[in-house]
Amino acid sequence: MISNLASISSKAQLGNNVTVSSFATIYENVVIGDNCYIHPNAVIYPDTIIGDNCQIFPGAIIGIVNQDLKYKGEKSNTVIGNNTVIREYATIHKGTADRMTTKVGNNCLIMAYTHLGHDCIIGNNVIIANNGSLAGHITVEDFVIIEGVVAAQQFVTIGAHSFVAGASLVRKSIPPYIRVAREPLQFIGVNTIGLGRRGFDKEVIKQIEDIYRIIFVRGHNITNALEIVENEIPESDVRHQIINFIKAQKDGIIKGI
């Protein structure tokens, strides 16, 4: 159902069974997939692609020109995956020359008043609770949960299956599979409950705990800790993932206990 009070460009492409409510605005060069629901007063700006089965709630703004002072109007876009919900008054800014896109994956929930800055790449099955504020160039990997009123500075990466406690300030990257809290932000344990709910084998979870005990609990510096992990922990996919993640963070990672 398309409301007569909605404003939809003739150059926008809408899929099958799309609802656009009154006073919603959809600009040119917007593509919206099947079975989407665009609530009243949502605004979808040019060069935005939205997948199937998405809901965009009242007041949400997607694909608007970013706030980066270096942006020169280069052609960039905003992409929202399938089965993703953008709640009321969330703002998602289009990309810049850095990545040329801002992207939110499949099966995500972006809660009310959250801001995703330019060139953020959000993975699949991510939840960002109310008033989350992510600066530009941030990567959030799959199955991350970010509680409310979290602020993250630009260029950090938040690793897969991690859990960020409410009101945290994220100034450094967060390795995968862990829980972080306190100020300054630090490791408080492995995300054991979350991993169990997602079907991780108990032996895999135990290995993750052993790895992070070496990295964050025993008091080693990161270089020495990674050497010990490589020498003491049997090779596995999770060991490989954790080591590679930490080595890739040029600006370092959060603190240990």
Protein backbone atom coordinates (compact mmCIF):
# COMPACT_ATOMS: atom_id res chain seq x y z
CA MET A 1 0.00 0.00 0.00
CA ILE A 2 1.35 3.38 -1.04
CA SER A 3 -0.14 6.41 0.74
CA ASN A 4 -1.23 9.33 -1.42
CA LEU A 5 0.49 11.53 1.16
CA ALA A 6 3.91 9.93 0.62
CA SER A 7 6.49 11.61 -1.61
CA ILE A 8 8.14 9.07 -3.92
CA SER A 9 10.42 9.95 -6.81
CA SER A 10 9.51 8.49 -10.19
CA LYS A 11 13.15 7.37 -10.36
CA ALA A 12 12.88 5.19 -7.25
CA GLN A 13 12.40 1.43 -7.62
CA LEU A 14 10.03 -0.32 -5.22
CA GLY A 15 9.68 -4.10 -5.00
CA ASN A 16 6.55 -6.17 -4.53
CA ASN A 17 4.24 -5.72 -1.55
CA VAL A 18 5.96 -2.55 -0.28
CA THR A 19 4.08 -0.27 2.12
CA VAL A 20 4.94 3.42 2.15
CA SER A 21 3.05 5.38 4.82
CA SER A 22 1.93 8.99 4.84
CA PHE A 23 4.58 11.70 4.81
CA ALA A 24 7.42 9.29 4.10
CA THR A 25 9.87 10.57 1.48
CA ILE A 26 11.78 8.41 -0.99
CA TYR A 27 14.22 10.18 -3.30
CA GLU A 28 15.56 9.24 -6.74
CA ASN A 29 18.00 6.36 -7.23
CA VAL A 30 16.57 4.49 -4.26
CA VAL A 31 15.95 0.75 -4.57
CA ILE A 32 13.65 -0.95 -2.04
CA GLY A 33 13.19 -4.72 -2.02
CA ASP A 34 10.07 -6.81 -1.57
CA ASN A 35 7.82 -6.80 1.51
CA CYS A 36 9.29 -3.68 3.08
CA TYR A 37 7.38 -1.31 5.34
CA ILE A 38 8.33 2.38 5.29
CA HIS A 39 6.65 4.10 8.26
CA PRO A 40 5.40 7.71 8.40
CA ASN A 41 7.98 10.48 8.16
CA ALA A 42 10.88 8.17 7.29
CA VAL A 43 13.23 9.71 4.73
CA ILE A 44 15.33 7.66 2.31
CA TYR A 45 17.87 9.73 0.38
CA PRO A 46 19.38 9.09 -3.09
CA ASP A 47 21.75 6.19 -3.79
CA THR A 48 20.28 3.95 -1.09
CA ILE A 49 19.59 0.25 -1.55
CA ILE A 50 17.30 -1.54 0.92
CA GLY A 51 16.87 -5.32 0.83
CA ASP A 52 13.78 -7.47 1.30
CA ASN A 53 11.57 -7.66 4.40
CA CYS A 54 12.90 -4.51 6.04
CA GLN A 55 11.10 -2.05 8.28
CA ILE A 56 12.05 1.63 8.44
CA PHE A 57 10.31 3.27 11.40
CA PRO A 58 9.04 6.87 11.78
CA GLY A 59 11.60 9.62 11.54
CA ALA A 60 14.49 7.39 10.46
CA ILE A 61 16.83 9.01 7.94
CA ILE A 62 18.84 6.75 5.65
CA GLY A 63 21.48 7.70 3.10
CA ILE A 64 21.67 11.42 3.80
CA VAL A 65 24.88 13.26 2.90
CA ASN A 66 27.50 12.65 5.57
CA GLN A 67 29.08 15.15 7.97
CA ASP A 68 32.68 14.49 6.90
CA LEU A 69 34.32 17.83 6.07
CA LYS A 70 36.52 16.03 3.51
CA TYR A 71 33.52 14.85 1.52
CA LYS A 72 33.52 16.42 -1.95
CA GLY A 73 30.31 15.01 -3.31
CA GLU A 74 31.82 11.82 -4.69
CA LYS A 75 29.31 9.18 -5.77
CA SER A 76 28.74 6.88 -2.81
CA ASN A 77 25.86 4.89 -1.41
CA THR A 78 24.10 3.34 1.56
CA VAL A 79 23.12 -0.33 1.62
CA ILE A 80 20.72 -2.05 4.05
CA GLY A 81 20.52 -5.86 3.98
CA ASN A 82 17.52 -8.19 4.14
CA ASN A 83 15.30 -8.59 7.21
CA THR A 84 16.77 -5.54 8.93
CA VAL A 85 14.83 -3.16 11.17
CA ILE A 86 15.73 0.52 11.51
CA ARG A 87 13.86 2.01 14.45
CA GLU A 88 12.58 5.53 14.92
CA TYR A 89 14.87 8.53 14.41
CA ALA A 90 17.95 6.47 13.62
CA THR A 91 20.32 8.20 11.20
CA ILE A 92 22.56 6.44 8.69
CA HIS A 93 24.90 8.57 6.57
CA LYS A 94 26.15 7.69 3.10
CA GLY A 95 29.79 6.78 2.47
CA THR A 96 32.78 8.83 1.31
CA ALA A 97 35.85 8.15 -0.84
CA ASP A 98 37.24 5.96 1.96
CA ARG A 99 34.89 3.00 1.41
CA MET A 100 32.32 4.55 -0.97
CA THR A 101 29.53 2.98 1.07
CA THR A 102 27.88 2.72 4.45
CA LYS A 103 26.49 -0.76 4.89
CA VAL A 104 24.22 -2.58 7.34
CA GLY A 105 23.97 -6.36 6.91
CA ASN A 106 21.14 -8.86 7.10
CA ASN A 107 18.95 -9.54 10.15
CA CYS A 108 20.11 -6.45 12.06
CA LEU A 109 18.22 -4.35 14.60
CA ILE A 110 19.25 -0.70 14.74
CA MET A 111 17.29 0.77 17.64
CA ALA A 112 15.87 4.26 18.17
CA TYR A 113 18.10 7.34 17.93
CA THR A 114 21.17 5.36 16.88
CA HIS A 115 23.62 7.10 14.56
CA LEU A 116 25.80 5.26 12.04
CA GLY A 117 28.41 7.56 10.55
CA HIS A 118 29.80 7.49 7.02
CA ASP A 119 31.69 4.39 5.85
CA CYS A 120 30.52 2.21 8.73
CA ILE A 121 30.30 -1.44 7.78
CA ILE A 122 27.88 -3.36 10.02
CA GLY A 123 27.82 -7.15 9.68
CA ASN A 124 24.94 -9.59 9.85
CA ASN A 125 22.80 -10.30 12.94
CA VAL A 126 24.00 -7.18 14.76
CA ILE A 127 21.97 -5.41 17.46
CA ILE A 128 22.73 -1.80 18.35
CA ALA A 129 20.51 -0.56 21.18
CA ASN A 130 19.03 2.91 21.71
CA ASN A 131 21.22 5.97 21.32
CA GLY A 132 24.23 4.10 19.99
CA SER A 133 26.63 6.53 18.32
CA LEU A 134 29.17 5.19 15.84
CA ALA A 135 31.57 7.63 14.22
CA GLY A 136 32.78 7.15 10.65
CA HIS A 137 34.88 4.29 9.26
CA ILE A 138 33.88 1.77 11.95
CA THR A 139 33.57 -1.96 11.28
CA VAL A 140 31.18 -4.06 13.36
CA GLU A 141 31.47 -7.76 12.61
CA ASP A 142 28.70 -10.41 12.70
CA PHE A 143 26.60 -11.19 15.80
CA VAL A 144 27.80 -8.20 17.83
CA ILE A 145 25.50 -6.79 20.51
CA ILE A 146 26.02 -3.17 21.52
CA GLU A 147 23.93 -2.00 24.46
CA GLY A 148 22.42 1.46 24.80
CA VAL A 149 24.22 4.81 24.86
CA VAL A 150 27.51 3.41 23.56
CA ALA A 151 29.80 5.82 21.69
CA ALA A 152 32.57 4.53 19.42
CA GLN A 153 35.32 6.62 17.86
CA GLN A 154 36.25 6.42 14.20
CA PHE A 155 38.27 3.58 12.64
CA VAL A 156 37.78 1.03 15.43
CA THR A 157 36.69 -2.54 14.72
CA ILE A 158 34.32 -4.47 16.97
CA GLY A 159 34.96 -8.20 16.56
CA ALA A 160 32.39 -10.90 15.86
CA HIS A 161 30.22 -12.24 18.70
CA SER A 162 31.41 -9.57 21.12
CA PHE A 163 29.19 -7.81 23.66
CA VAL A 164 29.61 -4.13 24.57
CA ALA A 165 28.04 -3.01 27.86
CA GLY A 166 25.78 0.02 27.98
CA ALA A 167 27.21 3.55 28.20
CA SER A 168 30.66 2.35 27.14
CA LEU A 169 33.17 4.59 25.35
CA VAL A 170 34.91 2.59 22.62
CA ARG A 171 38.31 4.14 21.86
CA LYS A 172 40.15 0.96 20.83
CA SER A 173 39.20 -2.09 18.80
CA ILE A 174 37.45 -4.99 20.53
CA PRO A 175 38.58 -8.54 19.64
CA PRO A 176 35.99 -11.20 18.80
CA TYR A 177 34.08 -13.37 21.29
CA ILE A 178 34.51 -11.18 24.37
CA ARG A 179 32.50 -8.96 26.72
CA VAL A 180 33.74 -5.46 27.48
CA ALA A 181 32.69 -2.86 30.08
CA ARG A 182 33.98 -0.25 32.58
CA GLU A 183 35.88 3.00 32.00
CA PRO A 184 38.36 2.88 30.42
CA LEU A 185 36.88 0.02 28.44
CA GLN A 186 38.35 -3.38 29.27
CA PHE A 187 37.93 -7.12 28.90
CA ILE A 188 35.54 -8.59 31.49
CA GLY A 189 35.26 -12.11 30.12
CA VAL A 190 34.43 -14.27 27.15
CA ASN A 191 30.88 -13.98 25.78
CA THR A 192 30.19 -17.55 26.91
CA ILE A 193 26.41 -17.26 27.15
CA GLY A 194 26.09 -15.70 23.72
CA LEU A 195 28.35 -18.29 22.11
CA GLY A 196 26.42 -21.11 23.75
CA ARG A 197 23.13 -19.74 22.46
CA ARG A 198 24.58 -19.65 18.95
CA GLY A 199 25.59 -23.29 19.06
CA PHE A 200 29.31 -23.07 19.69
CA ASP A 201 30.81 -26.36 20.90
CA LYS A 202 31.91 -26.36 24.55
CA GLU A 203 35.47 -27.29 23.58
CA VAL A 204 35.65 -24.34 21.20
CA ILE A 205 34.40 -22.00 23.92
CA LYS A 206 36.99 -23.42 26.33
CA GLN A 207 39.75 -22.76 23.82
CA ILE A 208 38.56 -19.18 23.39
CA GLU A 209 38.67 -18.77 27.18
CA ASP A 210 42.20 -20.22 27.31
CA ILE A 211 43.37 -17.83 24.58
CA TYR A 212 41.98 -14.73 26.27
CA ARG A 213 43.30 -15.81 29.67
CA ILE A 214 46.78 -15.56 28.16
CA ILE A 215 46.10 -12.30 26.35
CA PHE A 216 44.20 -10.36 29.01
CA VAL A 217 44.62 -11.97 32.44
CA ARG A 218 48.20 -13.14 32.90
CA GLY A 219 49.77 -9.70 32.57
CA HIS A 220 51.75 -10.21 29.36
CA ASN A 221 52.14 -7.46 26.81
CA ILE A 222 50.24 -8.17 23.60
CA THR A 223 53.29 -9.20 21.56
CA ASN A 224 54.40 -11.77 24.12
CA ALA A 225 50.85 -12.96 24.72
CA LEU A 226 50.33 -13.71 21.05
CA GLU A 227 53.59 -15.66 20.91
CA ILE A 228 52.47 -17.74 23.91
CA VAL A 229 49.09 -18.37 22.30
CA GLU A 230 50.78 -19.58 19.12
CA ASN A 231 53.05 -21.88 21.13
CA GLU A 232 50.61 -23.21 23.73
CA ILE A 233 47.18 -23.27 22.09
CA PRO A 234 46.47 -25.90 19.40
CA GLU A 235 45.87 -24.50 15.93
CA SER A 236 42.22 -23.88 15.12
CA ASP A 237 39.94 -21.52 13.24
CA VAL A 238 39.18 -19.43 16.32
CA ARG A 239 42.86 -19.19 17.31
CA HIS A 240 43.67 -18.05 13.78
CA GLN A 241 40.82 -15.52 13.80
CA ILE A 242 41.74 -13.99 17.17
CA ILE A 243 45.46 -13.69 16.41
CA ASN A 244 44.86 -12.18 12.97
CA PHE A 245 42.32 -9.72 14.34
CA ILE A 246 44.66 -8.42 17.03
CA LYS A 247 47.65 -8.17 14.69
CA ALA A 248 45.58 -6.15 12.20
CA GLN A 249 44.67 -3.39 14.69
CA LYS A 250 47.20 -0.64 14.03
CA ASP A 251 45.90 1.49 16.90
CA GLY A 252 45.75 -1.35 19.41
CA ILE A 253 42.96 -3.10 21.30
CA ILE A 254 41.12 -2.58 24.59
CA LYS A 255 42.78 -3.27 27.93
CA GLY A 256 42.85 -6.49 29.92
CA ILE A 257 41.77 -6.97 33.51
